[in-house]
C-alpha atoms as a PDB file:
ATOM      1  CA  UNK A   1      60.782-113.544  71.218  1.00  0.00           C
ATOM      2  CA  UNK A   2      56.975-113.404  70.949  1.00  0.00           C
ATOM      3  CA  UNK A   3      55.741-115.975  68.430  1.00  0.00           C
ATOM      4  CA  UNK A   4      54.166-113.178  66.399  1.00  0.00           C
ATOM      5  CA  UNK A   5      57.591-111.583  65.851  1.00  0.00           C
ATOM      6  CA  UNK A   6      59.205-114.704  64.383  1.00  0.00           C
ATOM      7  CA  UNK A   7      59.760-115.261  60.694  1.00  0.00           C
ATOM      8  CA  UNK A   8      57.554-117.484  58.561  1.00  0.00           C
ATOM      9  CA  UNK A   9      60.107-120.323  58.335  1.00  0.00           C
ATOM     10  CA  UNK A  10      60.577-120.452  62.109  1.00  0.00           C
ATOM     11  CA  UNK A  11      56.821-120.451  62.704  1.00  0.00           C
ATOM     12  CA  UNK A  12      56.222-123.206  60.138  1.00  0.00           C
ATOM     13  CA  UNK A  13      58.947-125.357  61.705  1.00  0.00           C
ATOM     14  CA  UNK A  14      57.465-124.895  65.188  1.00  0.00           C
ATOM     15  CA  UNK A  15      53.983-125.746  63.856  1.00  0.00           C
ATOM     16  CA  UNK A  16      55.314-128.955  62.317  1.00  0.00           C
ATOM     17  CA  UNK A  17      57.068-129.903  65.554  1.00  0.00           C
ATOM     18  CA  UNK A  18      53.982-129.251  67.687  1.00  0.00           C
ATOM     19  CA  UNK A  19      51.792-131.383  65.415  1.00  0.00           C
ATOM     20  CA  UNK A  20      54.391-134.178  65.388  1.00  0.00           C
ATOM     21  CA  UNK A  21      54.288-134.202  69.186  1.00  0.00           C
ATOM     22  CA  UNK A  22      50.506-134.614  69.284  1.00  0.00           C
ATOM     23  CA  UNK A  23      49.456-131.006  69.862  1.00  0.00           C
ATOM     24  CA  UNK A  24      46.410-129.704  67.996  1.00  0.00           C
ATOM     25  CA  UNK A  25      46.002-126.712  65.671  1.00  0.00           C
ATOM     26  CA  UNK A  26      42.314-127.157  64.731  1.00  0.00           C
ATOM     27  CA  UNK A  27      41.853-123.586  63.489  1.00  0.00           C
ATOM     28  CA  UNK A  28      45.208-123.313  61.754  1.00  0.00           C
ATOM     29  CA  UNK A  29      45.283-120.521  59.157  1.00  0.00           C
ATOM     30  CA  UNK A  30      47.501-121.765  56.324  1.00  0.00           C
ATOM     31  CA  UNK A  31      47.913-118.207  55.049  1.00  0.00           C
ATOM     32  CA  UNK A  32      49.144-116.942  58.427  1.00  0.00           C
ATOM     33  CA  UNK A  33      51.816-119.103  60.136  1.00  0.00           C
ATOM     34  CA  UNK A  34      51.733-116.787  63.153  1.00  0.00           C
ATOM     35  CA  UNK A  35      47.992-117.170  63.755  1.00  0.00           C
ATOM     36  CA  UNK A  36      46.324-117.111  67.183  1.00  0.00           C
ATOM     37  CA  UNK A  37      45.854-120.898  67.157  1.00  0.00           C
ATOM     38  CA  UNK A  38      49.606-121.461  66.860  1.00  0.00           C
ATOM     39  CA  UNK A  39      50.370-119.011  69.628  1.00  0.00           C
ATOM     40  CA  UNK A  40      47.793-120.592  71.970  1.00  0.00           C
ATOM     41  CA  UNK A  41      49.241-124.056  71.271  1.00  0.00           C
ATOM     42  CA  UNK A  42      52.780-122.844  71.998  1.00  0.00           C
ATOM     43  CA  UNK A  43      51.538-121.593  75.377  1.00  0.00           C
ATOM     44  CA  UNK A  44      49.786-124.921  76.096  1.00  0.00           C
ATOM     45  CA  UNK A  45      52.896-126.898  75.194  1.00  0.00           C
ATOM     46  CA  UNK A  46      55.109-124.734  77.413  1.00  0.00           C
ATOM     47  CA  UNK A  47      52.778-125.258  80.378  1.00  0.00           C
ATOM     48  CA  UNK A  48      52.599-129.034  79.778  1.00  0.00           C
ATOM     49  CA  UNK A  49      56.406-129.276  79.750  1.00  0.00           C
ATOM     50  CA  UNK A  50      56.921-126.913  82.723  1.00  0.00           C
ATOM     51  CA  UNK A  51      58.739-124.380  80.546  1.00  0.00           C
ATOM     52  CA  UNK A  52      58.839-120.743  81.654  1.00  0.00           C
ATOM     53  CA  UNK A  53      57.189-118.026  79.572  1.00  0.00           C
ATOM     54  CA  UNK A  54      53.974-117.813  77.585  1.00  0.00           C
ATOM     55  CA  UNK A  55      53.399-117.455  73.846  1.00  0.00           C
ATOM     56  CA  UNK A  56      57.084-117.090  73.046  1.00  0.00           C
ATOM     57  CA  UNK A  57      59.633-118.949  70.957  1.00  0.00           C
ATOM     58  CA  UNK A  58      62.945-119.109  72.819  1.00  0.00           C
ATOM     59  CA  UNK A  59      65.826-121.434  73.588  1.00  0.00           C
ATOM     60  CA  UNK A  60      63.842-123.404  76.180  1.00  0.00           C
ATOM     61  CA  UNK A  61      61.102-124.177  73.657  1.00  0.00           C
ATOM     62  CA  UNK A  62      63.459-125.048  70.795  1.00  0.00           C
ATOM     63  CA  UNK A  63      65.641-127.309  72.950  1.00  0.00           C
ATOM     64  CA  UNK A  64      62.627-129.228  74.265  1.00  0.00           C
ATOM     65  CA  UNK A  65      61.094-129.605  70.787  1.00  0.00           C
ATOM     66  CA  UNK A  66      64.464-130.797  69.442  1.00  0.00           C
ATOM     67  CA  UNK A  67      64.822-133.334  72.265  1.00  0.00           C
ATOM     68  CA  UNK A  68      61.378-134.848  71.712  1.00  0.00           C
ATOM     69  CA  UNK A  69      61.681-134.908  67.925  1.00  0.00           C
ATOM     70  CA  UNK A  70      65.148-136.471  68.011  1.00  0.00           C
ATOM     71  CA  UNK A  71      63.773-139.139  70.352  1.00  0.00           C
ATOM     72  CA  UNK A  72      60.937-139.882  67.909  1.00  0.00           C
ATOM     73  CA  UNK A  73      63.480-140.121  65.093  1.00  0.00           C
ATOM     74  CA  UNK A  74      65.355-142.852  66.971  1.00  0.00           C
ATOM     75  CA  UNK A  75      68.291-140.929  68.435  1.00  0.00           C
ATOM     76  CA  UNK A  76      70.363-142.523  71.190  1.00  0.00           C
ATOM     77  CA  UNK A  77      72.481-140.142  73.237  1.00  0.00           C
ATOM     78  CA  UNK A  78      73.964-139.631  76.670  1.00  0.00           C
ATOM     79  CA  UNK A  79      71.380-136.895  77.269  1.00  0.00           C
ATOM     80  CA  UNK A  80      68.543-139.331  76.558  1.00  0.00           C
ATOM     81  CA  UNK A  81      70.135-141.944  78.824  1.00  0.00           C
ATOM     82  CA  UNK A  82      69.982-139.425  81.681  1.00  0.00           C
ATOM     83  CA  UNK A  83      66.522-138.055  80.924  1.00  0.00           C
ATOM     84  CA  UNK A  84      64.462-140.965  79.568  1.00  0.00           C
ATOM     85  CA  UNK A  85      63.995-143.043  82.772  1.00  0.00           C
ATOM     86  CA  UNK A  86      62.206-140.161  84.508  1.00  0.00           C
ATOM     87  CA  UNK A  87      60.645-138.246  81.609  1.00  0.00           C
ATOM     88  CA  UNK A  88      57.007-139.328  81.348  1.00  0.00           C
ATOM     89  CA  UNK A  89      56.384-137.064  78.352  1.00  0.00           C
ATOM     90  CA  UNK A  90      58.951-138.946  76.268  1.00  0.00           C
ATOM     91  CA  UNK A  91      57.625-142.304  77.451  1.00  0.00           C
ATOM     92  CA  UNK A  92      54.052-141.392  76.538  1.00  0.00           C
ATOM     93  CA  UNK A  93      55.027-140.103  73.097  1.00  0.00           C
ATOM     94  CA  UNK A  94      56.036-143.605  72.028  1.00  0.00           C
ATOM     95  CA  UNK A  95      56.296-146.328  74.699  1.00  0.00           C
ATOM     96  CA  UNK A  96      57.545-148.890  72.172  1.00  0.00           C
ATOM     97  CA  UNK A  97      60.343-146.618  70.964  1.00  0.00           C
ATOM     98  CA  UNK A  98      61.166-145.698  74.568  1.00  0.00           C
ATOM     99  CA  UNK A  99      61.635-149.391  75.362  1.00  0.00           C
ATOM    100  CA  UNK A 100      63.755-149.974  72.238  1.00  0.00           C
ATOM    101  CA  UNK A 101      65.886-146.901  73.012  1.00  0.00           C
ATOM    102  CA  UNK A 102      66.345-148.067  76.607  1.00  0.00           C
ATOM    103  CA  UNK A 103      67.594-151.454  75.368  1.00  0.00           C
ATOM    104  CA  UNK A 104      70.119-149.712  73.132  1.00  0.00           C
ATOM    105  CA  UNK A 105      71.216-147.459  75.997  1.00  0.00           C
ATOM    106  CA  UNK A 106      71.486-150.470  78.332  1.00  0.00           C
ATOM    107  CA  UNK A 107      69.012-149.141  80.886  1.00  0.00           C
ATOM    108  CA  UNK A 108      68.126-152.196  83.032  1.00  0.00           C
ATOM    109  CA  UNK A 109      64.557-152.930  84.151  1.00  0.00           C
ATOM    110  CA  UNK A 110      63.252-150.017  82.091  1.00  0.00           C
ATOM    111  CA  UNK A 111      60.126-151.725  80.721  1.00  0.00           C
ATOM    112  CA  UNK A 112      58.529-152.481  84.063  1.00  0.00           C
ATOM    113  CA  UNK A 113      59.602-149.185  85.594  1.00  0.00           C
ATOM    114  CA  UNK A 114      58.224-147.247  82.625  1.00  0.00           C
ATOM    115  CA  UNK A 115      54.841-148.950  82.810  1.00  0.00           C
ATOM    116  CA  UNK A 116      54.535-148.204  86.505  1.00  0.00           C
ATOM    117  CA  UNK A 117      55.328-144.525  85.873  1.00  0.00           C
ATOM    118  CA  UNK A 118      52.811-144.415  83.028  1.00  0.00           C
ATOM    119  CA  UNK A 119      50.185-146.129  85.179  1.00  0.00           C
ATOM    120  CA  UNK A 120      50.240-143.141  87.518  1.00  0.00           C
ATOM    121  CA  UNK A 121      49.950-140.735  84.578  1.00  0.00           C
ATOM    122  CA  UNK A 122      47.207-142.474  82.611  1.00  0.00           C
ATOM    123  CA  UNK A 123      43.604-141.523  83.211  1.00  0.00           C
ATOM    124  CA  UNK A 124      42.805-145.242  83.184  1.00  0.00           C
ATOM    125  CA  UNK A 125      45.475-147.846  83.851  1.00  0.00           C
ATOM    126  CA  UNK A 126      44.005-150.229  81.243  1.00  0.00           C
ATOM    127  CA  UNK A 127      44.661-148.072  78.162  1.00  0.00           C
ATOM    128  CA  UNK A 128      47.840-147.234  76.245  1.00  0.00           C
ATOM    129  CA  UNK A 129      48.477-145.613  72.849  1.00  0.00           C
ATOM    130  CA  UNK A 130      51.548-146.297  70.702  1.00  0.00           C
ATOM    131  CA  UNK A 131      52.974-144.885  67.509  1.00  0.00           C
ATOM    132  CA  UNK A 132      54.172-147.222  64.777  1.00  0.00           C
ATOM    133  CA  UNK A 133      57.786-146.173  65.208  1.00  0.00           C
ATOM    134  CA  UNK A 134      60.295-145.808  62.405  1.00  0.00           C
ATOM    135  CA  UNK A 135      62.156-148.621  64.143  1.00  0.00           C
ATOM    136  CA  UNK A 136      59.537-151.076  62.846  1.00  0.00           C
ATOM    137  CA  UNK A 137      60.324-150.264  59.217  1.00  0.00           C
ATOM    138  CA  UNK A 138      58.361-149.174  56.156  1.00  0.00           C
ATOM    139  CA  UNK A 139      56.754-152.563  55.376  1.00  0.00           C
ATOM    140  CA  UNK A 140      54.832-152.644  58.638  1.00  0.00           C
ATOM    141  CA  UNK A 141      53.897-148.980  58.368  1.00  0.00           C
ATOM    142  CA  UNK A 142      52.623-149.456  54.795  1.00  0.00           C
ATOM    143  CA  UNK A 143      50.611-152.560  55.679  1.00  0.00           C
ATOM    144  CA  UNK A 144      48.966-151.031  58.743  1.00  0.00           C
ATOM    145  CA  UNK A 145      48.187-147.697  57.073  1.00  0.00           C
ATOM    146  CA  UNK A 146      46.848-149.016  53.774  1.00  0.00           C
ATOM    147  CA  UNK A 147      45.105-152.204  54.899  1.00  0.00           C
ATOM    148  CA  UNK A 148      43.828-151.287  58.372  1.00  0.00           C
ATOM    149  CA  UNK A 149      43.887-147.589  59.281  1.00  0.00           C
ATOM    150  CA  UNK A 150      42.808-145.916  56.034  1.00  0.00           C
ATOM    151  CA  UNK A 151      39.896-148.286  55.195  1.00  0.00           C
ATOM    152  CA  UNK A 152      38.584-147.870  58.761  1.00  0.00           C
ATOM    153  CA  UNK A 153      38.765-144.069  58.493  1.00  0.00           C
ATOM    154  CA  UNK A 154      37.164-144.075  55.022  1.00  0.00           C
ATOM    155  CA  UNK A 155      34.219-146.034  56.465  1.00  0.00           C
ATOM    156  CA  UNK A 156      33.989-143.620  59.371  1.00  0.00           C
ATOM    157  CA  UNK A 157      33.986-140.629  56.991  1.00  0.00           C
ATOM    158  CA  UNK A 158      30.997-142.036  55.088  1.00  0.00           C
ATOM    159  CA  UNK A 159      29.211-142.823  58.362  1.00  0.00           C
ATOM    160  CA  UNK A 160      29.888-139.465  60.037  1.00  0.00           C
ATOM    161  CA  UNK A 161      29.849-137.063  57.102  1.00  0.00           C
ATOM    162  CA  UNK A 162      27.137-138.581  54.921  1.00  0.00           C
ATOM    163  CA  UNK A 163      26.926-140.960  51.937  1.00  0.00           C
ATOM    164  CA  UNK A 164      29.818-141.422  49.539  1.00  0.00           C
ATOM    165  CA  UNK A 165      27.995-139.693  46.656  1.00  0.00           C
ATOM    166  CA  UNK A 166      30.155-136.709  45.699  1.00  0.00           C
ATOM    167  CA  UNK A 167      33.129-138.065  47.665  1.00  0.00           C
ATOM    168  CA  UNK A 168      36.411-139.504  46.353  1.00  0.00           C
ATOM    169  CA  UNK A 169      38.073-142.061  48.639  1.00  0.00           C
ATOM    170  CA  UNK A 170      41.592-143.067  47.578  1.00  0.00           C
ATOM    171  CA  UNK A 171      41.037-146.809  47.837  1.00  0.00           C
ATOM    172  CA  UNK A 172      42.602-147.673  44.475  1.00  0.00           C
ATOM    173  CA  UNK A 173      46.346-147.592  43.787  1.00  0.00           C
ATOM    174  CA  UNK A 174      45.531-146.009  40.415  1.00  0.00           C
ATOM    175  CA  UNK A 175      45.099-142.362  39.435  1.00  0.00           C
ATOM    176  CA  UNK A 176      42.179-143.285  37.147  1.00  0.00           C
ATOM    177  CA  UNK A 177      39.311-142.985  39.710  1.00  0.00           C
ATOM    178  CA  UNK A 178      40.701-139.640  40.908  1.00  0.00           C
ATOM    179  CA  UNK A 179      41.013-138.266  37.363  1.00  0.00           C
ATOM    180  CA  UNK A 180      37.462-139.350  36.613  1.00  0.00           C
ATOM    181  CA  UNK A 181      36.195-137.662  39.802  1.00  0.00           C
ATOM    182  CA  UNK A 182      37.961-134.358  39.059  1.00  0.00           C
ATOM    183  CA  UNK A 183      36.776-134.238  35.435  1.00  0.00           C
ATOM    184  CA  UNK A 184      33.181-135.255  36.221  1.00  0.00           C
ATOM    185  CA  UNK A 185      32.689-132.627  38.916  1.00  0.00           C
ATOM    186  CA  UNK A 186      34.551-129.687  37.332  1.00  0.00           C
ATOM    187  CA  UNK A 187      34.164-130.000  33.560  1.00  0.00           C
ATOM    188  CA  UNK A 188      31.540-127.244  33.314  1.00  0.00           C
ATOM    189  CA  UNK A 189      33.977-124.603  34.560  1.00  0.00           C
ATOM    190  CA  UNK A 190      37.395-125.701  33.277  1.00  0.00           C
ATOM    191  CA  UNK A 191      38.860-126.980  30.035  1.00  0.00           C
ATOM    192  CA  UNK A 192      39.476-130.727  29.918  1.00  0.00           C
ATOM    193  CA  UNK A 193      43.187-130.200  29.300  1.00  0.00           C
ATOM    194  CA  UNK A 194      43.512-128.115  32.485  1.00  0.00           C
ATOM    195  CA  UNK A 195      41.535-130.642  34.552  1.00  0.00           C
ATOM    196  CA  UNK A 196      43.666-133.539  33.332  1.00  0.00           C
ATOM    197  CA  UNK A 197      46.807-131.602  34.234  1.00  0.00           C
ATOM    198  CA  UNK A 198      45.496-131.032  37.773  1.00  0.00           C
ATOM    199  CA  UNK A 199      44.289-134.629  38.112  1.00  0.00           C
ATOM    200  CA  UNK A 200      47.673-135.980  37.047  1.00  0.00           C
ATOM    201  CA  UNK A 201      49.392-134.525  40.068  1.00  0.00           C
ATOM    202  CA  UNK A 202      49.339-135.431  43.772  1.00  0.00           C
ATOM    203  CA  UNK A 203      45.945-136.578  45.106  1.00  0.00           C
ATOM    204  CA  UNK A 204      44.503-136.500  48.651  1.00  0.00           C
ATOM    205  CA  UNK A 205      43.086-139.453  50.569  1.00  0.00           C
ATOM    206  CA  UNK A 206      39.600-137.910  50.662  1.00  0.00           C
ATOM    207  CA  UNK A 207      38.087-135.283  48.349  1.00  0.00           C
ATOM    208  CA  UNK A 208      34.570-133.927  48.903  1.00  0.00           C
ATOM    209  CA  UNK A 209      32.536-132.181  46.187  1.00  0.00           C
ATOM    210  CA  UNK A 210      29.210-131.537  47.889  1.00  0.00           C
ATOM    211  CA  UNK A 211      28.291-127.863  47.634  1.00  0.00           C
ATOM    212  CA  UNK A 212      28.892-125.816  49.664  1.00  0.00           C
ATOM    213  CA  UNK A 213      31.539-128.260  50.966  1.00  0.00           C
ATOM    214  CA  UNK A 214      34.584-128.471  48.679  1.00  0.00           C
ATOM    215  CA  UNK A 215      37.315-129.979  50.813  1.00  0.00           C
ATOM    216  CA  UNK A 216      40.176-132.463  51.009  1.00  0.00           C
ATOM    217  CA  UNK A 217      41.668-134.551  53.805  1.00  0.00           C
ATOM    218  CA  UNK A 218      44.997-136.322  54.127  1.00  0.00           C
ATOM    219  CA  UNK A 219      45.339-139.342  56.476  1.00  0.00           C
ATOM    220  CA  UNK A 220      48.672-140.099  58.147  1.00  0.00           C
ATOM    221  CA  UNK A 221      50.023-141.929  61.206  1.00  0.00           C
ATOM    222  CA  UNK A 222      50.718-139.813  64.255  1.00  0.00           C
ATOM    223  CA  UNK A 223      54.506-139.824  63.959  1.00  0.00           C
ATOM    224  CA  UNK A 224      57.299-137.391  63.175  1.00  0.00           C
ATOM    225  CA  UNK A 225      57.578-138.703  59.612  1.00  0.00           C
ATOM    226  CA  UNK A 226      53.800-138.846  59.186  1.00  0.00           C
ATOM    227  CA  UNK A 227      53.416-135.205  60.209  1.00  0.00           C
ATOM    228  CA  UNK A 228      56.226-134.079  57.915  1.00  0.00           C
ATOM    229  CA  UNK A 229      54.778-136.032  54.974  1.00  0.00           C
ATOM    230  CA  UNK A 230      51.312-134.611  55.584  1.00  0.00           C
ATOM    231  CA  UNK A 231      52.540-131.012  55.718  1.00  0.00           C
ATOM    232  CA  UNK A 232      54.611-131.512  52.561  1.00  0.00           C
ATOM    233  CA  UNK A 233      51.491-132.947  50.884  1.00  0.00           C
ATOM    234  CA  UNK A 234      49.430-130.027  52.169  1.00  0.00           C
ATOM    235  CA  UNK A 235      51.731-127.532  50.446  1.00  0.00           C
ATOM    236  CA  UNK A 236      51.379-129.462  47.164  1.00  0.00           C
ATOM    237  CA  UNK A 237      47.597-129.713  47.413  1.00  0.00           C
ATOM    238  CA  UNK A 238      47.153-126.029  48.229  1.00  0.00           C
ATOM    239  CA  UNK A 239      49.052-125.188  45.045  1.00  0.00           C
ATOM    240  CA  UNK A 240      47.349-127.831  42.890  1.00  0.00           C
ATOM    241  CA  UNK A 241      43.837-126.779  43.874  1.00  0.00           C
ATOM    242  CA  UNK A 242      44.424-123.047  43.477  1.00  0.00           C
ATOM    243  CA  UNK A 243      42.167-122.877  40.380  1.00  0.00           C
ATOM    244  CA  UNK A 244      39.622-125.294  41.900  1.00  0.00           C
ATOM    245  CA  UNK A 245      37.367-124.728  44.936  1.00  0.00           C
ATOM    246  CA  UNK A 246      38.862-127.451  47.181  1.00  0.00           C
ATOM    247  CA  UNK A 247      40.419-126.377  50.491  1.00  0.00           C
ATOM    248  CA  UNK A 248      41.635-128.152  53.671  1.00  0.00           C
ATOM    249  CA  UNK A 249      38.567-129.711  55.270  1.00  0.00           C
ATOM    250  CA  UNK A 250      37.060-128.459  58.522  1.00  0.00           C
ATOM    251  CA  UNK A 251      33.715-130.277  58.406  1.00  0.00           C
ATOM    252  CA  UNK A 252      34.663-133.899  59.095  1.00  0.00           C
ATOM    253  CA  UNK A 253      35.517-134.611  62.713  1.00  0.00           C
ATOM    254  CA  UNK A 254      36.439-138.311  62.850  1.00  0.00           C
ATOM    255  CA  UNK A 255      35.162-140.695  65.472  1.00  0.00           C
ATOM    256  CA  UNK A 256      37.896-140.564  68.071  1.00  0.00           C
ATOM    257  CA  UNK A 257      37.847-144.299  68.800  1.00  0.00           C
ATOM    258  CA  UNK A 258      37.564-146.747  65.878  1.00  0.00           C
ATOM    259  CA  UNK A 259      37.732-150.347  67.058  1.00  0.00           C
ATOM    260  CA  UNK A 260      39.739-152.992  65.171  1.00  0.00           C
ATOM    261  CA  UNK A 261      39.577-156.281  67.114  1.00  0.00           C
ATOM    262  CA  UNK A 262      40.155-158.031  70.441  1.00  0.00           C
ATOM    263  CA  UNK A 263      42.867-160.615  71.146  1.00  0.00           C
ATOM    264  CA  UNK A 264      43.635-162.959  74.036  1.00  0.00           C
ATOM    265  CA  UNK A 265      46.945-164.314  75.296  1.00  0.00           C
ATOM    266  CA  UNK A 266      47.142-167.934  76.475  1.00  0.00           C
ATOM    267  CA  UNK A 267      47.968-166.526  79.899  1.00  0.00           C
ATOM    268  CA  UNK A 268      44.517-164.877  80.008  1.00  0.00           C
ATOM    269  CA  UNK A 269      45.163-161.210  79.194  1.00  0.00           C
ATOM    270  CA  UNK A 270      42.560-159.533  76.960  1.00  0.00           C
ATOM    271  CA  UNK A 271      43.679-156.721  74.638  1.00  0.00           C
ATOM    272  CA  UNK A 272      41.282-154.662  72.500  1.00  0.00           C
ATOM    273  CA  UNK A 273      43.007-152.907  69.600  1.00  0.00           C
ATOM    274  CA  UNK A 274      41.604-149.643  68.235  1.00  0.00           C
ATOM    275  CA  UNK A 275      42.590-146.489  66.385  1.00  0.00           C
ATOM    276  CA  UNK A 276      42.592-143.125  68.112  1.00  0.00           C
ATOM    277  CA  UNK A 277      41.826-140.655  65.332  1.00  0.00           C
ATOM    278  CA  UNK A 278      41.933-136.851  65.370  1.00  0.00           C
ATOM    279  CA  UNK A 279      41.756-134.006  62.896  1.00  0.00           C
ATOM    280  CA  UNK A 280      44.499-131.974  64.529  1.00  0.00           C
ATOM    281  CA  UNK A 281      44.535-129.286  61.808  1.00  0.00           C
ATOM    282  CA  UNK A 282      42.290-128.418  58.851  1.00  0.00           C
ATOM    283  CA  UNK A 283      42.491-131.216  56.279  1.00  0.00           C
ATOM    284  CA  UNK A 284      44.973-133.290  58.327  1.00  0.00           C
ATOM    285  CA  UNK A 285      43.778-136.484  60.016  1.00  0.00           C
ATOM    286  CA  UNK A 286      46.164-138.460  62.204  1.00  0.00           C
ATOM    287  CA  UNK A 287      45.799-141.831  63.868  1.00  0.00           C
ATOM    288  CA  UNK A 288      47.595-143.758  66.611  1.00  0.00           C
ATOM    289  CA  UNK A 289      47.409-147.441  67.533  1.00  0.00           C
ATOM    290  CA  UNK A 290      45.786-147.868  70.949  1.00  0.00           C
ATOM    291  CA  UNK A 291      45.290-150.829  73.279  1.00  0.00           C
ATOM    292  CA  UNK A 292      42.771-151.336  76.042  1.00  0.00           C
ATOM    293  CA  UNK A 293      42.087-154.111  78.536  1.00  0.00           C
ATOM    294  CA  UNK A 294      44.682-155.958  80.611  1.00  0.00           C
ATOM    295  CA  UNK A 295      47.367-153.645  79.257  1.00  0.00           C
ATOM    296  CA  UNK A 296      49.616-153.282  82.298  1.00  0.00           C
ATOM    297  CA  UNK A 297      49.436-156.996  83.120  1.00  0.00           C
ATOM    298  CA  UNK A 298      50.096-157.941  79.488  1.00  0.00           C
ATOM    299  CA  UNK A 299      53.128-155.697  79.023  1.00  0.00           C
ATOM    300  CA  UNK A 300      54.525-156.504  82.455  1.00  0.00           C
ATOM    301  CA  UNK A 301      54.437-160.170  81.429  1.00  0.00           C
ATOM    302  CA  UNK A 302      55.788-159.869  77.873  1.00  0.00           C
ATOM    303  CA  UNK A 303      57.530-156.447  78.004  1.00  0.00           C
ATOM    304  CA  UNK A 304      56.799-153.612  75.603  1.00  0.00           C
ATOM    305  CA  UNK A 305      58.762-154.729  72.532  1.00  0.00           C
ATOM    306  CA  UNK A 306      57.630-158.364  72.464  1.00  0.00           C
ATOM    307  CA  UNK A 307      54.088-157.422  73.497  1.00  0.00           C
ATOM    308  CA  UNK A 308      53.578-154.978  70.631  1.00  0.00           C
ATOM    309  CA  UNK A 309      55.155-157.316  68.072  1.00  0.00           C
ATOM    310  CA  UNK A 310      52.764-160.066  69.194  1.00  0.00           C
ATOM    311  CA  UNK A 311      49.755-157.780  68.694  1.00  0.00           C
ATOM    312  CA  UNK A 312      50.925-156.686  65.241  1.00  0.00           C
ATOM    313  CA  UNK A 313      51.568-160.305  64.264  1.00  0.00           C
ATOM    314  CA  UNK A 314      48.043-161.249  65.370  1.00  0.00           C
ATOM    315  CA  UNK A 315      46.642-158.433  63.213  1.00  0.00           C
ATOM    316  CA  UNK A 316      48.660-159.678  60.229  1.00  0.00           C
ATOM    317  CA  UNK A 317      47.618-163.297  60.607  1.00  0.00           C
ATOM    318  CA  UNK A 318      44.076-163.153  61.957  1.00  0.00           C
ATOM    319  CA  UNK A 319      42.320-160.205  60.315  1.00  0.00           C
ATOM    320  CA  UNK A 320      40.501-161.267  57.124  1.00  0.00           C
ATOM    321  CA  UNK A 321      42.183-159.869  53.982  1.00  0.00           C
ATOM    322  CA  UNK A 322      42.227-160.944  50.344  1.00  0.00           C
ATOM    323  CA  UNK A 323      44.199-160.396  47.159  1.00  0.00           C
ATOM    324  CA  UNK A 324      47.040-157.873  47.231  1.00  0.00           C
ATOM    325  CA  UNK A 325      46.281-156.974  50.849  1.00  0.00           C
ATOM    326  CA  UNK A 326      46.875-160.577  51.923  1.00  0.00           C
ATOM    327  CA  UNK A 327      50.319-160.516  50.323  1.00  0.00           C
ATOM    328  CA  UNK A 328      51.238-157.248  52.052  1.00  0.00           C
ATOM    329  CA  UNK A 329      50.058-158.651  55.405  1.00  0.00           C
ATOM    330  CA  UNK A 330      52.180-161.772  54.880  1.00  0.00           C
ATOM    331  CA  UNK A 331      55.252-159.623  54.127  1.00  0.00           C
ATOM    332  CA  UNK A 332      54.610-157.563  57.268  1.00  0.00           C
ATOM    333  CA  UNK A 333      54.338-160.763  59.335  1.00  0.00           C
ATOM    334  CA  UNK A 334      57.730-161.877  58.016  1.00  0.00           C
ATOM    335  CA  UNK A 335      59.287-158.526  58.980  1.00  0.00           C
ATOM    336  CA  UNK A 336      57.791-158.753  62.489  1.00  0.00           C
ATOM    337  CA  UNK A 337      59.307-162.202  63.017  1.00  0.00           C
ATOM    338  CA  UNK A 338      62.702-160.969  61.762  1.00  0.00           C
ATOM    339  CA  UNK A 339      62.604-158.006  64.181  1.00  0.00           C
ATOM    340  CA  UNK A 340      61.795-160.372  67.046  1.00  0.00           C
ATOM    341  CA  UNK A 341      64.574-162.791  66.066  1.00  0.00           C
ATOM    342  CA  UNK A 342      67.128-159.973  65.817  1.00  0.00           C
ATOM    343  CA  UNK A 343      66.162-158.838  69.327  1.00  0.00           C
ATOM    344  CA  UNK A 344      66.370-162.391  70.692  1.00  0.00           C
ATOM    345  CA  UNK A 345      62.633-162.460  71.464  1.00  0.00           C
ATOM    346  CA  UNK A 346      60.247-165.399  71.342  1.00  0.00           C
ATOM    347  CA  UNK A 347      56.731-164.374  70.337  1.00  0.00           C
ATOM    348  CA  UNK A 348      53.674-166.133  71.760  1.00  0.00           C
ATOM    349  CA  UNK A 349      50.497-166.647  69.733  1.00  0.00           C
ATOM    350  CA  UNK A 350      47.498-164.434  70.469  1.00  0.00           C
ATOM    351  CA  UNK A 351      43.971-165.595  69.724  1.00  0.00           C
ATOM    352  CA  UNK A 352      41.150-163.614  68.193  1.00  0.00           C
ATOM    353  CA  UNK A 353      37.918-162.989  70.092  1.00  0.00           C
ATOM    354  CA  UNK A 354      35.350-165.682  69.292  1.00  0.00           C
END
């Protein structure tokens, strides 16, 4: 049926799926789940996947969304075994997870074959983006998000959208800075008791109080779970801020490429690691881990699984961190080594750029 004729729950579910698969809804109207932006994105997705029809929600669309989402959630099935080796869309969604899934499905020579297929699809053959798959576990996801991705995006926000005066950045693990920010900037209009009640509930990653800009932003990894968590958080924040002026932000457009570091393998390959960051919907900022340089040569030599684990291990061990962050990085390094050992992989040491 036409997207505009679907119920609210169906439209919300389709929106969530589209965002999880990397589609953009930059003008999303949170009060209207059947808005023009959603319908245009449905049409774009259908064209990209060679599905018949236009701005409609039908069995073809639902089946394809289900297939891609189940893949991202780690499913292994006979259908995937048949489709995965020749489906470039699935491979590009998460090359690491595609390689792991292929190992579980006993698809021989998949790594090299996948990279060659992706080489033909990529605009440049020396660049590849990966999601931090659920398969890597929560420790690695927590470490990378809290100690690498979010601080980099906070710095970019201050650089792109002005000085930090009037801006709350959720750097602390405590509610205290957030409560202080809410009370300081709203006490003239609301009773202290009401402000403390609001400030004791869920908080965003970024909150801006710079008239006429009153906005919030949530930062999450570009993954099925990250999208779901961000949309769940969005619903909470919309309700929490109902008496206050803050709304999903549309002003901050993050720098698309935020560089992290460059590493070298002993065999000579150079890999630059960076974040690809997008505001794919109002208030929702997503990032993916991207690699550039001798990417095809590197992964052809070490294969996808070992190659990514080596890069993550180098980030754990070689990036300067202190205090609590150092402990989290050490725990993540231990998890990476355990994953490699369980897969029967030997990791080589990468060196940081001098």
